[in-house]
Amino acid sequence: MSTARPAARAPLALLVPAAAGLVFLLLPLAALLLRAPWAALPAQLGSPRVWEALRLSLLTATAATALCLVLGVPLAWVLARTDFPGRRLVRALVTLPLVLPPVVGGVALLLALGRDGLVGRLLDDWLGVTLPFTTAGVVVAEAFVAMPFLVISVEGTLRAADPRFEEAAATLGASRFTAFRRVTLPLIAPGVAAGAVLAWARALGEFGATITFAGNFPGRTQTMPLAVYLALQSDPAAAVALSLVLLAVSVAVLGAMRDRWTTGVGAA
């Protein structure tokens, strides 16, 4: 039988900066809601330009998340379940896009996958595939910045999962891949789902790498964040309306992730 802990009184020296920090985080969001042109919002959101950017954003973010799942889940398994020289360095490199300025990531993608890039030149010469300034380039840029969120989430879930289930499957004759597919994946499904949601939200909000690597062409590479940036220079009301859409999506992601973040709090 667990007993509830008495609520601790916060000292004034901590309460004041904590309240200031909360105001600092919430004030811009409150300003966005209070200054939003609510009366003109239906007309703003009914613009074909808005729906075009929203459709492209949803499409590319979903495709980028799928790419992250295909590549990121096996990468997380290797980092969590195997031991090889340089594993810590590899893990650090995997998480590098989290702290790398997105514009730098876009420049790096251009140097690697551009028409004159290390790999892009081969793609262009051998397959006739050009990624920069295309919708596929948007997907690549979004996946580059979003994949670390998925890898970190799945790797943490794998480390918490009991590996003895996989070992038991191996003793029954299952191959490593069969054990991963039939045993491990069902066990870590919540972590994979959480990582996919985070990756999708990060891809949806990506700006710097996208505009650097894919450009800002309406209907082809102009996603919602790019549309907000463009509208802010000529039509601030439209920029606010687009920002509200992204804010609503972010709130929805928070709602979807609530149970994941609060797991274990009540059991503490």
C-alpha atoms as a PDB file:
ATOM      1  CA  MET A   1       0.000   0.000   0.000  1.00  0.00           C
ATOM      2  CA  SER A   2       1.557   3.254  -1.095  1.00  0.00           C
ATOM      3  CA  THR A   3       1.232   6.467   0.851  1.00  0.00           C
ATOM      4  CA  ALA A   4       0.891   9.825  -0.808  1.00  0.00           C
ATOM      5  CA  ARG A   5       3.817  12.146  -0.410  1.00  0.00           C
ATOM      6  CA  PRO A   6       3.094  15.472   1.253  1.00  0.00           C
ATOM      7  CA  ALA A   7       3.206  18.358  -1.170  1.00  0.00           C
ATOM      8  CA  ALA A   8       6.417  20.334  -0.759  1.00  0.00           C
ATOM      9  CA  ARG A   9       6.193  24.090  -0.436  1.00  0.00           C
ATOM     10  CA  ALA A  10       8.291  25.834  -3.045  1.00  0.00           C
ATOM     11  CA  PRO A  11      10.741  28.398  -1.670  1.00  0.00           C
ATOM     12  CA  LEU A  12      10.222  31.924  -2.941  1.00  0.00           C
ATOM     13  CA  ALA A  13      13.711  31.949  -4.484  1.00  0.00           C
ATOM     14  CA  LEU A  14      12.588  29.116  -6.816  1.00  0.00           C
ATOM     15  CA  LEU A  15       8.945  30.039  -7.210  1.00  0.00           C
ATOM     16  CA  VAL A  16       9.597  33.489  -8.683  1.00  0.00           C
ATOM     17  CA  PRO A  17      11.952  32.377 -11.496  1.00  0.00           C
ATOM     18  CA  ALA A  18       9.715  29.360 -12.155  1.00  0.00           C
ATOM     19  CA  ALA A  19       6.725  31.649 -12.635  1.00  0.00           C
ATOM     20  CA  ALA A  20       8.812  33.948 -14.838  1.00  0.00           C
ATOM     21  CA  GLY A  21       9.883  30.955 -16.939  1.00  0.00           C
ATOM     22  CA  LEU A  22       6.267  29.873 -17.364  1.00  0.00           C
ATOM     23  CA  VAL A  23       5.250  33.374 -18.445  1.00  0.00           C
ATOM     24  CA  PHE A  24       8.214  33.505 -20.823  1.00  0.00           C
ATOM     25  CA  LEU A  25       7.037  30.315 -22.541  1.00  0.00           C
ATOM     26  CA  LEU A  26       3.327  31.074 -22.601  1.00  0.00           C
ATOM     27  CA  LEU A  27       3.334  34.780 -23.426  1.00  0.00           C
ATOM     28  CA  PRO A  28       4.167  34.390 -27.161  1.00  0.00           C
ATOM     29  CA  LEU A  29       1.458  31.743 -27.532  1.00  0.00           C
ATOM     30  CA  ALA A  30      -1.050  33.937 -25.731  1.00  0.00           C
ATOM     31  CA  ALA A  31      -0.131  36.860 -28.005  1.00  0.00           C
ATOM     32  CA  LEU A  32      -0.679  34.640 -31.051  1.00  0.00           C
ATOM     33  CA  LEU A  33      -4.149  33.677 -29.835  1.00  0.00           C
ATOM     34  CA  LEU A  34      -5.136  37.180 -28.711  1.00  0.00           C
ATOM     35  CA  ARG A  35      -3.933  38.951 -31.870  1.00  0.00           C
ATOM     36  CA  ALA A  36      -5.303  36.357 -34.277  1.00  0.00           C
ATOM     37  CA  PRO A  37      -7.775  37.729 -36.857  1.00  0.00           C
ATOM     38  CA  TRP A  38     -10.567  35.387 -35.788  1.00  0.00           C
ATOM     39  CA  ALA A  39     -13.212  37.122 -37.912  1.00  0.00           C
ATOM     40  CA  ALA A  40     -11.157  36.748 -41.083  1.00  0.00           C
ATOM     41  CA  LEU A  41      -9.828  33.313 -40.170  1.00  0.00           C
ATOM     42  CA  PRO A  42     -12.297  31.259 -42.283  1.00  0.00           C
ATOM     43  CA  ALA A  43     -11.469  33.294 -45.370  1.00  0.00           C
ATOM     44  CA  GLN A  44      -7.735  33.036 -44.702  1.00  0.00           C
ATOM     45  CA  LEU A  45      -7.841  29.292 -44.170  1.00  0.00           C
ATOM     46  CA  GLY A  46     -10.070  28.838 -47.207  1.00  0.00           C
ATOM     47  CA  SER A  47      -7.386  30.169 -49.517  1.00  0.00           C
ATOM     48  CA  PRO A  48      -6.159  27.624 -52.087  1.00  0.00           C
ATOM     49  CA  ARG A  49      -2.603  28.600 -51.198  1.00  0.00           C
ATOM     50  CA  VAL A  50      -3.142  27.557 -47.588  1.00  0.00           C
ATOM     51  CA  TRP A  51      -4.654  24.203 -48.492  1.00  0.00           C
ATOM     52  CA  GLU A  52      -1.917  23.576 -51.028  1.00  0.00           C
ATOM     53  CA  ALA A  53       0.788  24.195 -48.433  1.00  0.00           C
ATOM     54  CA  LEU A  54      -1.086  22.146 -45.815  1.00  0.00           C
ATOM     55  CA  ARG A  55      -1.578  19.225 -48.197  1.00  0.00           C
ATOM     56  CA  LEU A  56       2.083  19.254 -49.158  1.00  0.00           C
ATOM     57  CA  SER A  57       3.155  19.491 -45.504  1.00  0.00           C
ATOM     58  CA  LEU A  58       1.017  16.529 -44.461  1.00  0.00           C
ATOM     59  CA  LEU A  59       2.179  14.478 -47.435  1.00  0.00           C
ATOM     60  CA  THR A  60       5.893  15.146 -47.008  1.00  0.00           C
ATOM     61  CA  ALA A  61       5.835  14.809 -43.197  1.00  0.00           C
ATOM     62  CA  THR A  62       4.108  11.428 -43.499  1.00  0.00           C
ATOM     63  CA  ALA A  63       6.539  10.241 -46.177  1.00  0.00           C
ATOM     64  CA  ALA A  64       9.497  11.463 -44.089  1.00  0.00           C
ATOM     65  CA  THR A  65       8.155   9.593 -41.060  1.00  0.00           C
ATOM     66  CA  ALA A  66       7.816   6.414 -43.110  1.00  0.00           C
ATOM     67  CA  LEU A  67      11.434   6.816 -44.214  1.00  0.00           C
ATOM     68  CA  CYS A  68      12.475   7.363 -40.602  1.00  0.00           C
ATOM     69  CA  LEU A  69      10.673   4.163 -39.560  1.00  0.00           C
ATOM     70  CA  VAL A  70      12.280   2.069 -42.291  1.00  0.00           C
ATOM     71  CA  LEU A  71      15.787   3.301 -41.495  1.00  0.00           C
ATOM     72  CA  GLY A  72      15.551   4.440 -37.875  1.00  0.00           C
ATOM     73  CA  VAL A  73      14.039   1.377 -36.165  1.00  0.00           C
ATOM     74  CA  PRO A  74      16.815  -0.986 -37.365  1.00  0.00           C
ATOM     75  CA  LEU A  75      19.406   1.654 -36.447  1.00  0.00           C
ATOM     76  CA  ALA A  76      17.944   1.946 -32.939  1.00  0.00           C
ATOM     77  CA  TRP A  77      18.006  -1.862 -32.575  1.00  0.00           C
ATOM     78  CA  VAL A  78      21.674  -2.007 -33.581  1.00  0.00           C
ATOM     79  CA  LEU A  79      22.562   0.718 -31.063  1.00  0.00           C
ATOM     80  CA  ALA A  80      20.576  -0.914 -28.268  1.00  0.00           C
ATOM     81  CA  ARG A  81      21.216  -4.629 -28.834  1.00  0.00           C
ATOM     82  CA  THR A  82      24.705  -4.926 -30.322  1.00  0.00           C
ATOM     83  CA  ASP A  83      28.170  -3.990 -29.187  1.00  0.00           C
ATOM     84  CA  PHE A  84      30.732  -2.812 -31.709  1.00  0.00           C
ATOM     85  CA  PRO A  85      33.766  -0.519 -31.707  1.00  0.00           C
ATOM     86  CA  GLY A  86      32.790   3.132 -31.902  1.00  0.00           C
ATOM     87  CA  ARG A  87      29.182   2.627 -30.822  1.00  0.00           C
ATOM     88  CA  ARG A  88      29.243   5.755 -28.641  1.00  0.00           C
ATOM     89  CA  LEU A  89      30.595   7.779 -31.547  1.00  0.00           C
ATOM     90  CA  VAL A  90      27.872   6.427 -33.834  1.00  0.00           C
ATOM     91  CA  ARG A  91      25.197   7.295 -31.280  1.00  0.00           C
ATOM     92  CA  ALA A  92      26.604  10.822 -30.992  1.00  0.00           C
ATOM     93  CA  LEU A  93      26.576  11.214 -34.779  1.00  0.00           C
ATOM     94  CA  VAL A  94      22.987   9.944 -34.955  1.00  0.00           C
ATOM     95  CA  THR A  95      21.855  12.606 -32.496  1.00  0.00           C
ATOM     96  CA  LEU A  96      23.901  15.364 -34.147  1.00  0.00           C
ATOM     97  CA  PRO A  97      20.949  16.715 -36.224  1.00  0.00           C
ATOM     98  CA  LEU A  98      19.209  17.517 -32.927  1.00  0.00           C
ATOM     99  CA  VAL A  99      21.723  20.267 -32.183  1.00  0.00           C
ATOM    100  CA  LEU A 100      22.901  21.046 -35.705  1.00  0.00           C
ATOM    101  CA  PRO A 101      21.447  24.300 -37.076  1.00  0.00           C
ATOM    102  CA  PRO A 102      18.884  23.241 -39.709  1.00  0.00           C
ATOM    103  CA  VAL A 103      20.389  25.560 -42.314  1.00  0.00           C
ATOM    104  CA  VAL A 104      23.742  23.820 -41.848  1.00  0.00           C
ATOM    105  CA  GLY A 105      21.948  20.523 -42.328  1.00  0.00           C
ATOM    106  CA  GLY A 106      20.501  21.844 -45.588  1.00  0.00           C
ATOM    107  CA  VAL A 107      23.944  22.885 -46.801  1.00  0.00           C
ATOM    108  CA  ALA A 108      25.319  19.455 -45.862  1.00  0.00           C
ATOM    109  CA  LEU A 109      22.505  17.783 -47.795  1.00  0.00           C
ATOM    110  CA  LEU A 110      23.317  19.913 -50.836  1.00  0.00           C
ATOM    111  CA  LEU A 111      26.975  18.900 -50.666  1.00  0.00           C
ATOM    112  CA  ALA A 112      26.020  15.236 -50.314  1.00  0.00           C
ATOM    113  CA  LEU A 113      22.911  14.880 -52.497  1.00  0.00           C
ATOM    114  CA  GLY A 114      23.056  17.924 -54.774  1.00  0.00           C
ATOM    115  CA  ARG A 115      23.700  17.523 -58.477  1.00  0.00           C
ATOM    116  CA  ASP A 116      27.416  18.021 -57.824  1.00  0.00           C
ATOM    117  CA  GLY A 117      27.349  16.306 -54.414  1.00  0.00           C
ATOM    118  CA  LEU A 118      29.215  13.214 -53.316  1.00  0.00           C
ATOM    119  CA  VAL A 119      26.233  10.915 -53.921  1.00  0.00           C
ATOM    120  CA  GLY A 120      23.960  13.254 -55.841  1.00  0.00           C
ATOM    121  CA  ARG A 121      26.301  13.255 -58.829  1.00  0.00           C
ATOM    122  CA  LEU A 122      26.014   9.466 -59.050  1.00  0.00           C
ATOM    123  CA  LEU A 123      22.234   9.571 -58.675  1.00  0.00           C
ATOM    124  CA  ASP A 124      22.015  12.084 -61.501  1.00  0.00           C
ATOM    125  CA  ASP A 125      24.445  10.288 -63.834  1.00  0.00           C
ATOM    126  CA  TRP A 126      23.279   6.719 -63.254  1.00  0.00           C
ATOM    127  CA  LEU A 127      19.574   7.059 -62.472  1.00  0.00           C
ATOM    128  CA  GLY A 128      18.682  10.564 -63.635  1.00  0.00           C
ATOM    129  CA  VAL A 129      17.422  11.367 -60.118  1.00  0.00           C
ATOM    130  CA  THR A 130      17.738  14.923 -58.832  1.00  0.00           C
ATOM    131  CA  LEU A 131      16.665  15.616 -55.251  1.00  0.00           C
ATOM    132  CA  PRO A 132      17.309  19.346 -54.585  1.00  0.00           C
ATOM    133  CA  PHE A 133      14.371  21.702 -55.173  1.00  0.00           C
ATOM    134  CA  THR A 134      11.884  18.831 -55.555  1.00  0.00           C
ATOM    135  CA  THR A 135       9.154  17.377 -53.359  1.00  0.00           C
ATOM    136  CA  ALA A 136      11.367  14.350 -52.770  1.00  0.00           C
ATOM    137  CA  GLY A 137      14.037  16.768 -51.544  1.00  0.00           C
ATOM    138  CA  VAL A 138      11.569  18.092 -48.960  1.00  0.00           C
ATOM    139  CA  VAL A 139      11.020  14.532 -47.716  1.00  0.00           C
ATOM    140  CA  VAL A 140      14.772  13.933 -47.460  1.00  0.00           C
ATOM    141  CA  ALA A 141      15.382  17.199 -45.584  1.00  0.00           C
ATOM    142  CA  GLU A 142      12.537  16.511 -43.146  1.00  0.00           C
ATOM    143  CA  ALA A 143      13.671  12.933 -42.541  1.00  0.00           C
ATOM    144  CA  PHE A 144      17.230  14.116 -41.875  1.00  0.00           C
ATOM    145  CA  VAL A 145      16.179  16.373 -39.003  1.00  0.00           C
ATOM    146  CA  ALA A 146      13.377  14.112 -37.694  1.00  0.00           C
ATOM    147  CA  MET A 147      15.048  10.692 -37.585  1.00  0.00           C
ATOM    148  CA  PRO A 148      17.015  11.284 -34.349  1.00  0.00           C
ATOM    149  CA  PHE A 149      13.733  11.738 -32.460  1.00  0.00           C
ATOM    150  CA  LEU A 150      12.585   8.311 -33.603  1.00  0.00           C
ATOM    151  CA  VAL A 151      15.928   6.615 -32.968  1.00  0.00           C
ATOM    152  CA  ILE A 152      16.231   7.997 -29.431  1.00  0.00           C
ATOM    153  CA  SER A 153      12.682   6.979 -28.532  1.00  0.00           C
ATOM    154  CA  VAL A 154      12.980   3.457 -29.945  1.00  0.00           C
ATOM    155  CA  GLU A 155      16.454   2.882 -28.510  1.00  0.00           C
ATOM    156  CA  GLY A 156      15.255   3.878 -25.044  1.00  0.00           C
ATOM    157  CA  THR A 157      12.295   1.510 -25.332  1.00  0.00           C
ATOM    158  CA  LEU A 158      14.552  -1.317 -26.508  1.00  0.00           C
ATOM    159  CA  ARG A 159      16.896  -0.837 -23.555  1.00  0.00           C
ATOM    160  CA  ALA A 160      13.920  -1.014 -21.185  1.00  0.00           C
ATOM    161  CA  ALA A 161      12.531  -4.156 -22.847  1.00  0.00           C
ATOM    162  CA  ASP A 162      13.622  -7.535 -21.455  1.00  0.00           C
ATOM    163  CA  PRO A 163      15.975  -9.195 -23.988  1.00  0.00           C
ATOM    164  CA  ARG A 164      15.208 -12.625 -22.530  1.00  0.00           C
ATOM    165  CA  PHE A 165      12.080 -12.826 -24.696  1.00  0.00           C
ATOM    166  CA  GLU A 166      14.254 -12.593 -27.794  1.00  0.00           C
ATOM    167  CA  GLU A 167      16.656 -15.159 -26.355  1.00  0.00           C
ATOM    168  CA  ALA A 168      13.763 -17.519 -25.661  1.00  0.00           C
ATOM    169  CA  ALA A 169      12.570 -17.152 -29.245  1.00  0.00           C
ATOM    170  CA  ALA A 170      16.099 -17.934 -30.458  1.00  0.00           C
ATOM    171  CA  THR A 171      16.238 -21.133 -28.364  1.00  0.00           C
ATOM    172  CA  LEU A 172      12.996 -22.217 -30.057  1.00  0.00           C
ATOM    173  CA  GLY A 173      14.648 -21.947 -33.449  1.00  0.00           C
ATOM    174  CA  ALA A 174      13.652 -18.433 -34.518  1.00  0.00           C
ATOM    175  CA  SER A 175      16.201 -16.428 -36.449  1.00  0.00           C
ATOM    176  CA  ARG A 176      17.318 -13.045 -35.152  1.00  0.00           C
ATOM    177  CA  PHE A 177      15.146 -11.264 -37.700  1.00  0.00           C
ATOM    178  CA  THR A 178      12.121 -13.452 -36.932  1.00  0.00           C
ATOM    179  CA  ALA A 179      12.574 -12.779 -33.213  1.00  0.00           C
ATOM    180  CA  PHE A 180      12.794  -9.074 -33.946  1.00  0.00           C
ATOM    181  CA  ARG A 181       9.681  -9.123 -36.138  1.00  0.00           C
ATOM    182  CA  ARG A 182       7.502 -11.447 -34.042  1.00  0.00           C
ATOM    183  CA  VAL A 183       8.704 -10.686 -30.496  1.00  0.00           C
ATOM    184  CA  THR A 184      10.610  -7.420 -30.249  1.00  0.00           C
ATOM    185  CA  LEU A 185       8.438  -5.193 -32.435  1.00  0.00           C
ATOM    186  CA  PRO A 186       5.201  -5.961 -30.534  1.00  0.00           C
ATOM    187  CA  LEU A 187       7.022  -5.280 -27.251  1.00  0.00           C
ATOM    188  CA  ILE A 188       8.365  -1.897 -28.347  1.00  0.00           C
ATOM    189  CA  ALA A 189       5.314  -0.819 -30.362  1.00  0.00           C
ATOM    190  CA  PRO A 190       4.418   2.024 -27.926  1.00  0.00           C
ATOM    191  CA  GLY A 191       7.942   3.412 -28.180  1.00  0.00           C
ATOM    192  CA  VAL A 192       7.911   3.155 -31.959  1.00  0.00           C
ATOM    193  CA  ALA A 193       4.554   4.936 -32.089  1.00  0.00           C
ATOM    194  CA  ALA A 194       5.786   7.691 -29.773  1.00  0.00           C
ATOM    195  CA  GLY A 195       8.948   8.153 -31.822  1.00  0.00           C
ATOM    196  CA  ALA A 196       6.948   8.231 -35.046  1.00  0.00           C
ATOM    197  CA  VAL A 197       4.644  10.927 -33.677  1.00  0.00           C
ATOM    198  CA  LEU A 198       7.605  13.028 -32.560  1.00  0.00           C
ATOM    199  CA  ALA A 199       9.343  12.542 -35.905  1.00  0.00           C
ATOM    200  CA  TRP A 200       6.171  13.473 -37.786  1.00  0.00           C
ATOM    201  CA  ALA A 201       5.699  16.641 -35.736  1.00  0.00           C
ATOM    202  CA  ARG A 202       9.350  17.614 -36.225  1.00  0.00           C
ATOM    203  CA  ALA A 203       9.099  16.985 -39.959  1.00  0.00           C
ATOM    204  CA  LEU A 204       5.919  19.038 -40.192  1.00  0.00           C
ATOM    205  CA  GLY A 205       7.608  22.024 -38.568  1.00  0.00           C
ATOM    206  CA  GLU A 206      10.929  21.809 -40.421  1.00  0.00           C
ATOM    207  CA  PHE A 207      12.044  25.054 -42.068  1.00  0.00           C
ATOM    208  CA  GLY A 208      15.796  25.661 -42.337  1.00  0.00           C
ATOM    209  CA  ALA A 209      16.966  22.462 -44.012  1.00  0.00           C
ATOM    210  CA  THR A 210      13.913  22.449 -46.283  1.00  0.00           C
ATOM    211  CA  ILE A 211      14.333  25.947 -47.667  1.00  0.00           C
ATOM    212  CA  THR A 212      18.084  25.427 -48.108  1.00  0.00           C
ATOM    213  CA  PHE A 213      17.937  22.026 -49.784  1.00  0.00           C
ATOM    214  CA  ALA A 214      14.516  22.085 -51.482  1.00  0.00           C
ATOM    215  CA  GLY A 215      13.747  25.768 -51.953  1.00  0.00           C
ATOM    216  CA  ASN A 216      10.397  27.516 -51.622  1.00  0.00           C
ATOM    217  CA  PHE A 217       8.288  26.737 -54.694  1.00  0.00           C
ATOM    218  CA  PRO A 218       4.477  26.844 -54.227  1.00  0.00           C
ATOM    219  CA  GLY A 219       2.840  23.504 -54.866  1.00  0.00           C
ATOM    220  CA  ARG A 220       6.155  21.665 -55.022  1.00  0.00           C
ATOM    221  CA  THR A 221       8.331  22.491 -52.004  1.00  0.00           C
ATOM    222  CA  GLN A 222       6.472  25.217 -50.089  1.00  0.00           C
ATOM    223  CA  THR A 223       5.375  23.604 -46.843  1.00  0.00           C
ATOM    224  CA  MET A 224       3.414  25.320 -44.076  1.00  0.00           C
ATOM    225  CA  PRO A 225       6.435  26.795 -42.208  1.00  0.00           C
ATOM    226  CA  LEU A 226       7.747  28.236 -45.469  1.00  0.00           C
ATOM    227  CA  ALA A 227       4.302  29.619 -46.294  1.00  0.00           C
ATOM    228  CA  VAL A 228       4.216  31.312 -42.865  1.00  0.00           C
ATOM    229  CA  TYR A 229       7.599  32.913 -43.497  1.00  0.00           C
ATOM    230  CA  LEU A 230       6.555  34.140 -46.936  1.00  0.00           C
ATOM    231  CA  ALA A 231       3.165  35.432 -45.757  1.00  0.00           C
ATOM    232  CA  LEU A 232       4.725  37.307 -42.842  1.00  0.00           C
ATOM    233  CA  GLN A 233       6.472  39.610 -45.299  1.00  0.00           C
ATOM    234  CA  SER A 234       3.358  40.552 -47.291  1.00  0.00           C
ATOM    235  CA  ASP A 235       0.240  39.444 -45.369  1.00  0.00           C
ATOM    236  CA  PRO A 236       0.743  39.205 -41.579  1.00  0.00           C
ATOM    237  CA  ALA A 237      -2.881  38.132 -41.042  1.00  0.00           C
ATOM    238  CA  ALA A 238      -2.358  35.123 -43.293  1.00  0.00           C
ATOM    239  CA  ALA A 239       0.858  34.315 -41.444  1.00  0.00           C
ATOM    240  CA  VAL A 240      -1.019  34.315 -38.142  1.00  0.00           C
ATOM    241  CA  ALA A 241      -3.735  32.081 -39.594  1.00  0.00           C
ATOM    242  CA  LEU A 242      -1.160  29.590 -40.855  1.00  0.00           C
ATOM    243  CA  SER A 243       0.609  29.719 -37.495  1.00  0.00           C
ATOM    244  CA  LEU A 244      -2.654  28.839 -35.759  1.00  0.00           C
ATOM    245  CA  VAL A 245      -2.962  25.738 -37.919  1.00  0.00           C
ATOM    246  CA  LEU A 246       0.514  24.600 -36.928  1.00  0.00           C
ATOM    247  CA  LEU A 247      -0.235  25.436 -33.302  1.00  0.00           C
ATOM    248  CA  ALA A 248      -3.366  23.281 -33.437  1.00  0.00           C
ATOM    249  CA  VAL A 249      -1.340  20.406 -34.874  1.00  0.00           C
ATOM    250  CA  SER A 250       1.233  20.795 -32.101  1.00  0.00           C
ATOM    251  CA  VAL A 251      -1.476  20.698 -29.437  1.00  0.00           C
ATOM    252  CA  ALA A 252      -2.888  17.558 -31.046  1.00  0.00           C
ATOM    253  CA  VAL A 253       0.565  15.954 -30.905  1.00  0.00           C
ATOM    254  CA  LEU A 254       0.852  16.876 -27.227  1.00  0.00           C
ATOM    255  CA  GLY A 255      -2.507  15.241 -26.604  1.00  0.00           C
ATOM    256  CA  ALA A 256      -1.440  12.093 -28.433  1.00  0.00           C
ATOM    257  CA  MET A 257       1.806  11.928 -26.460  1.00  0.00           C
ATOM    258  CA  ARG A 258       0.303  12.705 -23.052  1.00  0.00           C
ATOM    259  CA  ASP A 259       0.025   9.102 -21.863  1.00  0.00           C
ATOM    260  CA  ARG A 260       3.532   8.351 -23.096  1.00  0.00           C
ATOM    261  CA  TRP A 261       5.049  11.255 -21.158  1.00  0.00           C
ATOM    262  CA  THR A 262       3.129  10.597 -17.960  1.00  0.00           C
ATOM    263  CA  THR A 263       3.783   6.841 -17.873  1.00  0.00           C
ATOM    264  CA  GLY A 264       5.334   5.897 -14.582  1.00  0.00           C
ATOM    265  CA  VAL A 265       4.541   9.174 -12.829  1.00  0.00           C
ATOM    266  CA  GLY A 266       1.735   7.721 -10.813  1.00  0.00           C
ATOM    267  CA  ALA A 267       3.789   4.668  -9.922  1.00  0.00           C
ATOM    268  CA  ALA A 268       6.670   6.704  -8.567  1.00  0.00           C
END
